[in-house]
N, C-alpha and C. Protein backbone atom coordinates (compact mmCIF):
# COMPACT_ATOMS: atom_id res chain seq x y z
N UNK A 1 118.21 115.73 102.80
CA UNK A 1 118.07 114.55 104.01
C UNK A 1 117.59 113.30 103.79
N UNK A 2 116.63 113.13 102.79
CA UNK A 2 116.44 111.64 102.15
C UNK A 2 117.20 110.50 101.28
N UNK A 3 118.15 111.73 100.57
CA UNK A 3 119.07 110.64 100.07
C UNK A 3 120.41 110.26 100.97
N UNK A 4 121.00 111.27 101.62
CA UNK A 4 121.70 110.83 102.56
C UNK A 4 121.53 109.74 104.04
N UNK A 5 119.85 109.43 103.97
CA UNK A 5 119.43 108.60 104.96
C UNK A 5 119.13 107.24 103.79
N UNK A 6 118.83 107.56 102.53
CA UNK A 6 119.05 106.46 101.70
C UNK A 6 120.18 106.02 101.67
N UNK A 7 121.54 106.40 101.53
CA UNK A 7 122.71 105.80 101.18
C UNK A 7 123.22 105.53 102.67
N UNK A 8 122.77 105.65 103.69
CA UNK A 8 123.20 105.20 104.84
C UNK A 8 122.75 103.91 105.46
N UNK A 9 121.23 103.95 104.48
CA UNK A 9 120.53 102.72 105.00
C UNK A 9 120.01 102.83 106.44
N UNK A 10 119.38 104.08 106.35
CA UNK A 10 118.84 104.24 107.70
C UNK A 10 116.99 103.60 107.80
N UNK A 11 116.64 103.59 108.96
CA UNK A 11 115.37 102.56 109.14
C UNK A 11 114.43 104.11 108.65
N UNK A 12 112.86 103.28 108.35
CA UNK A 12 112.30 104.48 108.00
C UNK A 12 112.13 105.19 109.29
N UNK A 13 111.99 104.67 110.09
CA UNK A 13 111.66 105.31 111.64
C UNK A 13 112.86 106.49 111.68
N UNK A 14 114.00 106.05 110.99
CA UNK A 14 115.15 107.15 111.60
C UNK A 14 114.78 108.44 110.62
N UNK A 15 114.28 108.42 109.39
CA UNK A 15 114.12 109.20 108.63
C UNK A 15 113.17 110.14 109.01
N UNK A 16 112.03 109.01 109.12
CA UNK A 16 110.47 110.27 109.66
C UNK A 16 110.97 110.92 110.82
N UNK A 17 111.86 110.56 111.66
CA UNK A 17 111.92 111.26 113.10
C UNK A 17 113.02 112.31 112.86
N UNK A 18 113.96 111.90 111.86
CA UNK A 18 114.96 113.10 111.51
C UNK A 18 114.02 114.61 110.63
N UNK A 19 113.24 113.92 109.96
CA UNK A 19 112.63 115.02 108.84
C UNK A 19 111.81 115.90 110.05
N UNK A 20 110.80 115.09 111.02
CA UNK A 20 110.08 115.95 112.28
C UNK A 20 110.85 116.58 112.98
N UNK A 21 112.02 116.19 113.45
CA UNK A 21 112.57 117.06 114.50
C UNK A 21 113.54 118.39 113.54
N UNK A 22 113.71 118.15 112.54
CA UNK A 22 113.91 119.29 111.48
C UNK A 22 113.22 120.14 111.51
N UNK A 23 111.95 120.09 111.41
CA UNK A 23 111.23 121.27 110.93
C UNK A 23 110.42 121.36 112.59
N UNK A 24 110.48 120.41 113.70
CA UNK A 24 110.47 121.23 114.77
C UNK A 24 111.25 122.03 115.43
N UNK A 25 112.65 122.07 114.94
CA UNK A 25 113.63 122.72 115.53
C UNK A 25 113.41 124.07 114.66
N UNK A 26 112.84 123.98 113.24
CA UNK A 26 112.73 125.08 112.27
C UNK A 26 111.76 125.83 112.69
N UNK A 27 110.56 125.33 113.01
CA UNK A 27 109.59 126.03 113.54
C UNK A 27 109.54 126.82 114.83
N UNK A 28 110.17 126.19 115.98
CA UNK A 28 110.37 126.57 117.04
C UNK A 28 111.36 127.77 116.93
N UNK A 29 112.30 127.66 116.07
CA UNK A 29 113.25 128.71 116.03
C UNK A 29 112.72 129.75 115.39
N UNK A 30 112.38 129.74 114.30
CA UNK A 30 111.70 130.87 113.54
C UNK A 30 110.06 131.65 114.39
N UNK A 31 109.99 130.86 115.25
CA UNK A 31 108.53 131.53 116.20
C UNK A 31 107.38 130.93 115.26
N UNK A 32 107.48 130.08 114.42
CA UNK A 32 106.55 129.46 113.91
C UNK A 32 106.42 130.33 112.17
N UNK A 33 107.36 131.22 112.01
CA UNK A 33 107.39 131.99 110.44
C UNK A 33 107.57 130.49 109.53
N UNK A 34 108.77 129.95 109.62
CA UNK A 34 109.11 128.88 108.54
C UNK A 34 108.61 127.79 108.40
N UNK A 35 108.51 127.59 107.61
CA UNK A 35 107.71 126.26 106.93
C UNK A 35 108.46 125.27 106.34
N UNK A 36 107.66 124.64 105.32
CA UNK A 36 107.99 123.46 104.50
C UNK A 36 108.15 124.52 103.21
N UNK A 37 109.20 125.15 102.28
CA UNK A 37 108.98 125.98 101.05
C UNK A 37 108.32 125.05 100.24
N UNK A 38 108.12 123.92 99.84
CA UNK A 38 107.67 123.05 98.89
C UNK A 38 106.43 122.87 99.12
N UNK A 39 105.61 122.97 100.43
CA UNK A 39 104.31 122.97 100.42
C UNK A 39 103.78 124.14 100.41
N UNK A 40 104.63 125.29 100.84
CA UNK A 40 103.81 126.83 100.55
C UNK A 40 103.48 126.61 98.83
N UNK A 41 104.56 126.13 98.67
CA UNK A 41 104.44 126.48 96.75
C UNK A 41 103.16 125.79 96.30
N UNK A 42 103.31 124.44 96.92
CA UNK A 42 102.00 123.60 96.41
C UNK A 42 100.81 123.99 96.50
N UNK A 43 100.73 125.10 97.62
CA UNK A 43 99.27 125.53 97.88
C UNK A 43 98.98 126.51 96.74
N UNK A 44 99.90 127.25 96.08
CA UNK A 44 99.50 127.96 95.03
C UNK A 44 100.07 127.40 93.70
N UNK A 45 100.45 126.44 93.67
CA UNK A 45 100.88 125.72 92.09
C UNK A 45 99.68 125.32 91.09
N UNK A 46 98.42 125.33 91.61
CA UNK A 46 97.43 124.77 90.69
C UNK A 46 97.22 126.19 89.88
N UNK A 47 97.50 127.03 90.07
CA UNK A 47 97.42 128.04 89.33
C UNK A 47 98.37 128.72 87.87
N UNK A 48 99.10 127.72 88.10
CA UNK A 48 100.66 127.93 87.73
C UNK A 48 101.36 126.59 87.01
N UNK A 49 100.73 126.06 85.88
CA UNK A 49 101.05 124.65 85.45
C UNK A 49 102.43 124.65 85.36
N UNK A 50 103.84 125.36 85.16
CA UNK A 50 105.09 124.89 85.06
C UNK A 50 105.54 124.87 86.73
N UNK A 51 104.95 125.79 87.49
CA UNK A 51 105.40 125.78 89.27
C UNK A 51 104.87 124.63 89.22
N UNK A 52 103.44 124.08 88.81
CA UNK A 52 102.86 123.01 89.50
C UNK A 52 103.76 121.67 89.00
N UNK A 53 104.26 121.58 88.02
CA UNK A 53 105.42 120.33 87.31
C UNK A 53 106.31 120.72 87.96
N UNK A 54 107.14 121.40 88.56
CA UNK A 54 108.28 121.35 89.26
C UNK A 54 107.71 120.93 90.72
N UNK A 55 106.88 121.45 91.32
CA UNK A 55 106.50 120.86 92.63
C UNK A 55 106.32 119.67 92.72
N UNK A 56 105.49 118.71 91.96
CA UNK A 56 104.85 117.38 91.60
C UNK A 56 106.41 116.74 91.38
N UNK A 57 107.66 117.30 90.45
CA UNK A 57 108.56 116.64 90.67
C UNK A 57 109.13 116.63 92.01
N UNK A 58 109.25 117.50 92.78
CA UNK A 58 109.84 117.45 93.54
C UNK A 58 109.07 116.58 94.72
N UNK A 59 107.93 116.58 95.25
CA UNK A 59 107.08 115.45 95.85
C UNK A 59 107.49 114.47 95.36
N UNK A 60 107.38 113.87 94.37
CA UNK A 60 107.72 112.58 93.13
C UNK A 60 109.12 112.17 93.82
N UNK A 61 109.95 112.96 93.96
CA UNK A 61 111.52 112.59 94.28
C UNK A 61 111.00 112.33 95.98
N UNK A 62 110.76 113.20 96.54
CA UNK A 62 110.89 112.31 97.95
C UNK A 62 109.58 110.99 98.05
N UNK A 63 108.61 110.82 97.49
CA UNK A 63 107.87 109.44 97.51
C UNK A 63 108.93 108.45 97.13
N UNK A 64 109.71 108.98 95.75
CA UNK A 64 110.27 107.66 95.28
C UNK A 64 111.61 107.45 96.41
N UNK A 65 112.23 108.56 97.34
CA UNK A 65 113.41 107.90 98.06
C UNK A 65 112.89 107.43 99.15
N UNK A 66 111.54 108.05 99.69
CA UNK A 66 110.89 107.20 101.02
C UNK A 66 110.71 105.89 100.69
N UNK A 67 109.97 105.50 99.36
CA UNK A 67 109.73 104.20 98.99
C UNK A 67 110.76 103.54 98.92
N UNK A 68 111.83 103.70 98.30
CA UNK A 68 113.17 103.06 99.04
C UNK A 68 113.55 102.75 100.07
N UNK A 69 113.64 103.87 100.65
CA UNK A 69 113.97 103.38 102.40
C UNK A 69 113.32 101.83 102.68
N UNK A 70 111.74 102.19 102.29
CA UNK A 70 110.52 101.59 103.18
C UNK A 70 110.60 99.95 102.56
N UNK A 71 111.17 100.14 101.09
CA UNK A 71 111.29 98.74 100.80
C UNK A 71 112.37 98.10 100.93
N UNK A 72 113.21 98.75 101.27
CA UNK A 72 114.47 98.44 102.00
C UNK A 72 114.77 97.82 103.75
N UNK A 73 113.60 98.37 104.05
CA UNK A 73 113.27 97.83 105.11
C UNK A 73 112.17 96.76 105.24
N UNK A 74 111.92 96.22 104.21
CA UNK A 74 111.10 94.94 104.01
C UNK A 74 109.52 94.90 104.00
N UNK A 75 108.74 95.92 103.46
CA UNK A 75 107.83 96.61 102.73
C UNK A 75 107.49 96.42 101.38
N UNK A 76 106.30 95.57 100.95
CA UNK A 76 106.68 95.23 99.48
C UNK A 76 106.64 96.43 98.95
N UNK A 77 106.07 96.23 97.33
CA UNK A 77 106.13 97.70 96.76
C UNK A 77 105.12 98.78 96.78
N UNK A 78 104.13 98.07 97.15
CA UNK A 78 102.58 98.74 97.24
C UNK A 78 102.50 99.30 98.53
N UNK A 79 103.12 98.69 99.42
CA UNK A 79 102.85 99.41 101.23
C UNK A 79 103.96 100.30 101.05
N UNK A 80 104.98 99.92 100.54
CA UNK A 80 106.11 100.84 100.30
C UNK A 80 105.80 102.44 99.89
N UNK A 81 105.07 102.19 98.82
CA UNK A 81 104.96 103.16 98.19
C UNK A 81 104.01 104.13 98.85
N UNK A 82 102.73 103.48 99.38
CA UNK A 82 101.23 103.84 100.27
C UNK A 82 101.73 104.81 101.45
N UNK A 83 102.65 104.00 101.73
CA UNK A 83 103.33 104.51 103.61
C UNK A 83 103.98 105.55 103.03
N UNK A 84 104.78 106.10 102.04
CA UNK A 84 105.75 107.00 101.76
C UNK A 84 104.75 108.30 101.47
N UNK A 85 103.76 108.17 100.84
CA UNK A 85 102.69 109.15 100.61
C UNK A 85 102.10 109.74 101.59
N UNK A 86 101.55 108.68 102.48
CA UNK A 86 101.08 109.09 104.13
C UNK A 86 102.07 109.56 104.50
N UNK A 87 103.42 109.27 104.89
CA UNK A 87 104.32 110.13 105.62
C UNK A 87 104.53 111.18 105.00
N UNK A 88 104.28 111.39 103.96
CA UNK A 88 104.58 112.86 102.75
C UNK A 88 103.63 113.61 103.56
N UNK A 89 102.06 112.98 103.06
CA UNK A 89 101.03 114.12 103.82
C UNK A 89 101.15 114.18 104.74
N UNK A 90 101.02 113.27 106.09
CA UNK A 90 101.10 113.71 107.35
C UNK A 90 101.64 114.86 107.68
N UNK A 91 103.47 114.83 107.67
CA UNK A 91 104.32 115.53 107.79
C UNK A 91 103.88 116.87 107.29
N UNK A 92 103.75 117.03 105.86
CA UNK A 92 103.15 118.16 105.18
C UNK A 92 102.06 118.74 106.07
N UNK A 93 101.16 118.11 106.60
CA UNK A 93 99.98 118.37 106.86
C UNK A 93 100.14 119.42 108.10
N UNK A 94 101.18 118.22 109.20
CA UNK A 94 101.57 118.46 110.56
C UNK A 94 102.22 120.19 110.35
N UNK A 95 102.85 120.34 109.49
CA UNK A 95 103.77 121.22 109.80
C UNK A 95 102.87 122.45 109.44
N UNK A 96 101.97 122.72 108.36
CA UNK A 96 100.75 123.80 108.27
C UNK A 96 99.97 123.72 109.58
N UNK A 97 99.55 123.01 110.25
CA UNK A 97 98.63 122.69 111.65
C UNK A 97 99.75 123.36 112.61
N UNK A 98 100.92 123.01 112.41
CA UNK A 98 102.03 123.87 113.55
C UNK A 98 101.84 125.05 114.02
N UNK A 99 102.34 125.41 112.53
CA UNK A 99 102.41 126.96 112.22
C UNK A 99 101.34 127.70 112.56
N UNK A 100 99.84 127.27 112.44
CA UNK A 100 98.40 127.79 112.51
C UNK A 100 98.30 127.78 114.30
N UNK A 101 98.59 126.71 114.69
CA UNK A 101 98.30 126.40 116.08
C UNK A 101 99.44 127.00 117.20
N UNK A 102 100.74 127.26 116.41
CA UNK A 102 101.54 127.76 117.02
C UNK A 102 102.66 127.14 118.08
N UNK A 103 102.35 125.37 117.77
CA UNK A 103 102.49 124.59 118.90
C UNK A 103 103.52 123.46 117.62
N UNK A 104 104.39 123.00 118.20
CA UNK A 104 104.84 121.66 117.30
C UNK A 104 104.33 120.19 117.84
N UNK A 105 103.17 120.22 118.36
CA UNK A 105 102.82 119.19 119.12
C UNK A 105 102.02 118.25 117.67
N UNK A 106 101.37 119.16 116.51
CA UNK A 106 101.32 118.17 115.66
C UNK A 106 102.17 117.19 114.85
N UNK A 107 103.68 117.79 114.56
CA UNK A 107 104.43 116.88 114.51
C UNK A 107 104.77 116.00 115.17
N UNK A 108 104.56 116.02 116.61
CA UNK A 108 104.70 115.19 117.86
C UNK A 108 103.88 114.02 117.54
N UNK A 109 102.46 114.41 117.37
CA UNK A 109 101.51 113.36 117.25
C UNK A 109 101.82 112.68 115.89
N UNK A 110 102.32 113.04 114.64
CA UNK A 110 102.92 112.64 113.88
C UNK A 110 103.63 111.62 113.88
N UNK A 111 104.82 111.96 114.93
CA UNK A 111 105.80 111.01 115.27
C UNK A 111 105.69 109.72 116.22
N UNK A 112 104.64 110.09 116.89
CA UNK A 112 104.30 108.90 117.75
C UNK A 112 102.87 107.86 116.84
N UNK A 113 102.47 108.44 116.21
CA UNK A 113 101.38 107.71 115.48
C UNK A 113 101.94 107.01 114.30
N UNK A 114 102.71 107.60 113.75
CA UNK A 114 103.14 107.13 112.25
C UNK A 114 104.28 106.06 112.49
N UNK A 115 105.05 106.33 113.24
CA UNK A 115 106.47 105.27 113.37
C UNK A 115 105.89 104.17 113.43
N UNK A 116 104.89 103.47 114.53
CA UNK A 116 104.62 102.22 114.60
C UNK A 116 104.36 101.81 112.90
N UNK A 117 103.99 102.53 112.11
CA UNK A 117 103.13 101.37 111.20
C UNK A 117 104.31 101.41 110.01
N UNK A 118 105.34 102.21 110.36
CA UNK A 118 106.44 101.86 109.78
C UNK A 118 107.40 100.70 109.84
């Protein structure tokens, strides 16, 4: 999703909205059983150095792509990098909370509060 958005020149708001909407649908469609597989693996990766390296690579790729989208929208490099980490952290946390609360409201809050920063 990130590479396609980057190639199309989507705005940061478009990207974050698309990601949040994807997970909102996925959670609702799976009765909150499905979440982000990378987030789930990340919770356990600390005990396995190879797995930890793989998860870190995926997250680094996400951050790099989202940083590029933010930089293309006019953010300086430091702000773009910080905002990318904020977005990833917020979305991953919202997915976890949505599953726990059996509600998509955490993702809705991320969209409502995060988009204005982008």
